[in-house]
Amino acid sequence: MEAAMGLMRRIHPKHADTALSALLSLLPDHSADLLSQVDQPLQVLCDVDCGKEFILCEYNRDADSYRYYEGGISSVYMWEDDNEGFVACFLIKKDGSKSGHGRRGYLQEGAWDAIHVIEVGPEDEGTAHYCLTSTIMLSLTTNEESSGKFSLSGSIRRQMNMDLSVAEGHLCNMGRMIEEMEGKLRNSLDQVYFGKTKEMVCTLRPPSEVVQMRLPDS
């Protein structure tokens, strides 16, 4: 199980479904643990009755059926737990490719998958305990004539615990926590993946202006 989790942390997000299916067939006794601990890139389906899109995940899955909620490219699912509290799952999927919904950017392929699960405890003297677990999966591919094909992907997972007043309601508290967490994870991805990649590329192949500065005068 430890080796399986290590493999899933290192595999490209777009191959996660195939890898997880293979691991489920190899480790059938650990299927529940794998499905609960391994996050996969989010998928989108369209509700034929409403004509709206919604996001698929294990939190809104019942056998092979996925329940529809609120539509859009982001979805929210909530359910009660056994400790007189409740759990909320906020899903956000952004397509940054040329052919994506927004058609923004110049990526051949690009996806931002965010999974935020918040466990909210029962209220006690006007406060409640919030436990937020967030996973961000990022993948992008460029294929330009000048630079060639380049692919970068990765995922990051963090947890945040806070005791907050419920005077403004649970929704405000959860929204602020998610915004803060997404900002931190975005900065971490920028430093870890983009920063390190830029450092390595510039070390192996310094920009032309740097090379010219180092060349002696002829």
Protein backbone atom coordinates (compact mmCIF):
# COMPACT_ATOMS: atom_id res chain seq x y z
CA MET A 1 0.00 0.00 0.00
CA GLU A 2 2.85 2.39 0.83
CA ALA A 3 4.50 1.66 -2.52
CA ALA A 4 1.18 2.20 -4.33
CA MET A 5 0.68 5.59 -2.70
CA GLY A 6 4.26 6.57 -3.58
CA LEU A 7 3.64 5.64 -7.20
CA MET A 8 0.42 7.68 -7.39
CA ARG A 9 2.19 10.74 -5.97
CA ARG A 10 4.77 10.62 -8.76
CA ILE A 11 2.67 9.70 -11.77
CA HIS A 12 1.49 12.22 -14.37
CA PRO A 13 -2.07 13.37 -13.50
CA LYS A 14 -3.42 12.44 -16.93
CA HIS A 15 -2.33 8.82 -16.34
CA ALA A 16 -3.82 8.69 -12.82
CA ASP A 17 -7.05 6.94 -13.86
CA THR A 18 -5.21 4.14 -15.67
CA ALA A 19 -2.71 3.70 -12.84
CA LEU A 20 -5.45 3.64 -10.18
CA SER A 21 -7.47 1.04 -12.11
CA ALA A 22 -4.37 -1.16 -12.35
CA LEU A 23 -3.63 -0.79 -8.64
CA LEU A 24 -7.25 -1.64 -7.74
CA SER A 25 -6.94 -4.89 -9.69
CA LEU A 26 -3.61 -5.69 -8.00
CA LEU A 27 -4.73 -4.71 -4.48
CA PRO A 28 -8.46 -5.50 -4.27
CA ASP A 29 -8.31 -5.75 -0.47
CA HIS A 30 -7.14 -2.12 -0.29
CA SER A 31 -9.65 -0.68 -2.77
CA ALA A 32 -11.44 1.39 -0.12
CA ASP A 33 -8.16 2.93 1.09
CA LEU A 34 -6.99 3.68 -2.45
CA LEU A 35 -10.25 5.33 -3.49
CA SER A 36 -10.37 7.44 -0.33
CA GLN A 37 -6.73 8.56 -0.38
CA VAL A 38 -5.90 8.95 -4.08
CA ASP A 39 -7.15 12.13 -5.74
CA GLN A 40 -7.73 12.04 -9.48
CA PRO A 41 -8.07 14.80 -12.07
CA LEU A 42 -11.65 16.05 -12.18
CA GLN A 43 -13.95 15.03 -15.01
CA VAL A 44 -16.96 16.91 -16.35
CA LEU A 45 -20.32 15.62 -17.60
CA CYS A 46 -23.38 17.42 -18.88
CA ASP A 47 -26.79 17.01 -17.29
CA VAL A 48 -29.01 16.27 -20.30
CA ASP A 49 -32.16 17.50 -18.57
CA CYS A 50 -30.76 20.87 -17.50
CA GLY A 51 -28.15 21.30 -20.20
CA LYS A 52 -25.55 22.24 -17.56
CA GLU A 53 -22.16 20.79 -16.78
CA PHE A 54 -21.16 19.35 -13.41
CA ILE A 55 -18.02 17.80 -11.94
CA LEU A 56 -17.61 14.11 -11.16
CA CYS A 57 -15.86 12.84 -8.06
CA GLU A 58 -16.13 10.13 -5.44
CA TYR A 59 -18.08 12.48 -3.16
CA ASN A 60 -21.11 12.60 -5.46
CA ARG A 61 -20.86 9.06 -6.77
CA ASP A 62 -23.47 6.38 -6.12
CA ALA A 63 -22.31 3.16 -7.82
CA ASP A 64 -21.91 4.23 -11.47
CA SER A 65 -24.16 7.27 -11.16
CA TYR A 66 -23.08 10.84 -10.41
CA ARG A 67 -25.65 13.21 -8.91
CA TYR A 68 -26.04 16.72 -10.31
CA TYR A 69 -25.73 19.83 -8.11
CA GLU A 70 -25.87 23.49 -9.15
CA GLY A 71 -24.11 22.98 -12.51
CA GLY A 72 -21.20 25.05 -13.76
CA ILE A 73 -17.56 24.13 -13.94
CA SER A 74 -17.40 24.16 -10.15
CA SER A 75 -19.56 21.96 -7.93
CA VAL A 76 -20.27 21.67 -4.21
CA TYR A 77 -21.45 18.59 -2.32
CA MET A 78 -22.38 18.39 1.37
CA TRP A 79 -23.39 15.61 3.72
CA GLU A 80 -23.80 15.01 7.45
CA ASP A 81 -21.21 13.09 9.43
CA ASP A 82 -21.52 10.97 12.57
CA ASN A 83 -20.26 13.69 14.95
CA GLU A 84 -23.23 16.09 14.66
CA GLY A 85 -21.33 18.14 12.11
CA PHE A 86 -21.12 18.04 8.33
CA VAL A 87 -18.63 17.71 5.48
CA ALA A 88 -18.44 19.89 2.36
CA CYS A 89 -16.56 19.19 -0.85
CA PHE A 90 -15.74 22.09 -3.18
CA LEU A 91 -14.54 21.11 -6.67
CA ILE A 92 -13.04 23.50 -9.20
CA LYS A 93 -11.83 22.62 -12.67
CA LYS A 94 -10.17 25.14 -14.98
CA ASP A 95 -9.24 24.39 -18.58
CA GLY A 96 -6.41 26.62 -19.78
CA SER A 97 -5.92 25.08 -23.22
CA LYS A 98 -6.51 26.78 -26.54
CA SER A 99 -9.69 24.79 -27.03
CA GLY A 100 -10.94 25.24 -23.44
CA HIS A 101 -14.16 26.94 -22.40
CA GLY A 102 -12.51 30.29 -21.83
CA ARG A 103 -10.00 29.84 -24.66
CA ARG A 104 -7.46 31.70 -22.59
CA GLY A 105 -3.71 31.37 -22.93
CA TYR A 106 -1.60 29.52 -25.48
CA LEU A 107 -1.28 26.08 -23.94
CA GLN A 108 -1.75 22.99 -26.05
CA GLU A 109 -3.15 21.31 -22.95
CA GLY A 110 -3.69 22.82 -19.53
CA ALA A 111 -5.73 21.84 -16.48
CA TRP A 112 -6.12 23.07 -12.92
CA ASP A 113 -8.02 20.63 -10.69
CA ALA A 114 -8.80 21.73 -7.14
CA ILE A 115 -10.41 19.49 -4.52
CA HIS A 116 -11.27 21.09 -1.17
CA VAL A 117 -12.83 18.93 1.54
CA ILE A 118 -13.89 20.69 4.76
CA GLU A 119 -14.96 18.84 7.90
CA VAL A 120 -17.04 21.11 10.14
CA GLY A 121 -17.54 20.15 13.78
CA PRO A 122 -20.63 20.92 15.89
CA GLU A 123 -21.05 24.46 17.19
CA ASP A 124 -19.77 25.13 20.71
CA GLU A 125 -20.44 28.53 22.32
CA GLY A 126 -20.67 30.28 18.96
CA THR A 127 -17.57 28.69 17.39
CA ALA A 128 -16.88 25.64 15.26
CA HIS A 129 -13.80 23.68 14.29
CA TYR A 130 -12.95 23.52 10.58
CA CYS A 131 -10.53 21.02 9.06
CA LEU A 132 -9.72 21.76 5.40
CA THR A 133 -7.83 19.27 3.21
CA SER A 134 -6.94 20.63 -0.22
CA THR A 135 -5.39 18.99 -3.26
CA ILE A 136 -4.30 20.89 -6.36
CA MET A 137 -3.34 19.03 -9.55
CA LEU A 138 -1.70 21.02 -12.31
CA SER A 139 -0.74 19.86 -15.79
CA LEU A 140 0.26 21.83 -18.85
CA THR A 141 1.75 21.11 -22.25
CA THR A 142 3.06 23.53 -24.86
CA ASN A 143 3.91 22.63 -28.42
CA GLU A 144 5.34 25.61 -30.24
CA GLU A 145 7.68 25.62 -33.21
CA SER A 146 10.13 27.94 -31.47
CA SER A 147 10.38 26.00 -28.20
CA GLY A 148 9.27 22.49 -29.11
CA LYS A 149 7.11 20.31 -26.91
CA PHE A 150 7.28 20.83 -23.15
CA SER A 151 5.19 19.16 -20.45
CA LEU A 152 4.99 20.04 -16.76
CA SER A 153 2.72 18.47 -14.17
CA GLY A 154 2.45 17.89 -10.46
CA SER A 155 0.18 17.87 -7.46
CA ILE A 156 0.30 19.25 -3.94
CA ARG A 157 -1.79 18.51 -0.86
CA ARG A 158 -2.07 20.50 2.36
CA GLN A 159 -4.29 20.66 5.46
CA MET A 160 -5.52 23.60 7.54
CA ASN A 161 -7.28 23.57 10.93
CA MET A 162 -9.08 26.60 12.37
CA ASP A 163 -11.57 27.44 15.13
CA LEU A 164 -13.81 30.24 13.88
CA SER A 165 -16.87 32.15 15.01
CA VAL A 166 -20.06 31.17 13.23
CA ALA A 167 -21.57 34.65 13.56
CA GLU A 168 -21.24 35.23 9.80
CA GLY A 169 -22.22 31.67 8.93
CA HIS A 170 -20.34 28.58 7.83
CA LEU A 171 -20.27 29.56 4.17
CA CYS A 172 -18.24 32.73 4.79
CA ASN A 173 -15.74 30.85 6.95
CA MET A 174 -15.32 28.04 4.45
CA GLY A 175 -14.98 30.47 1.55
CA ARG A 176 -12.21 32.45 3.24
CA MET A 177 -10.33 29.27 4.17
CA ILE A 178 -10.49 27.97 0.60
CA GLU A 179 -9.33 31.30 -0.84
CA GLU A 180 -6.40 31.43 1.57
CA MET A 181 -5.45 27.81 0.89
CA GLU A 182 -5.65 28.16 -2.89
CA GLY A 183 -3.41 31.23 -2.72
CA LYS A 184 -0.82 29.36 -0.66
CA LEU A 185 -0.90 26.30 -2.91
CA ARG A 186 -0.64 28.43 -6.05
CA ASN A 187 2.45 30.13 -4.64
CA SER A 188 3.94 26.78 -3.65
CA LEU A 189 3.38 25.37 -7.13
CA ASP A 190 4.93 28.47 -8.65
CA GLN A 191 8.05 28.15 -6.48
CA VAL A 192 8.41 24.36 -6.57
CA TYR A 193 7.54 23.51 -10.17
CA PHE A 194 7.96 26.65 -12.24
CA GLY A 195 10.76 28.13 -10.14
CA LYS A 196 12.84 24.94 -10.04
CA THR A 197 12.23 24.22 -13.72
CA LYS A 198 13.35 27.72 -14.69
CA GLU A 199 16.42 27.40 -12.47
CA MET A 200 17.42 24.08 -14.03
CA VAL A 201 16.82 25.25 -17.60
CA CYS A 202 18.79 28.45 -17.06
CA THR A 203 21.62 26.46 -15.46
CA LEU A 204 21.83 23.97 -18.32
CA ARG A 205 21.15 26.48 -21.09
CA PRO A 206 21.79 30.07 -19.98
CA PRO A 207 19.82 32.75 -21.82
CA SER A 208 21.62 34.16 -24.85
CA GLU A 209 22.07 37.59 -23.23
CA VAL A 210 23.87 36.00 -20.28
CA VAL A 211 26.19 34.05 -22.61
CA GLN A 212 27.04 37.18 -24.55
CA MET A 213 27.92 38.99 -21.32
CA ARG A 214 30.41 36.26 -20.42
CA LEU A 215 32.14 36.12 -23.80
CA PRO A 216 35.41 38.12 -23.99
CA ASP A 217 35.64 40.97 -26.42
CA SER A 218 37.00 39.92 -29.83
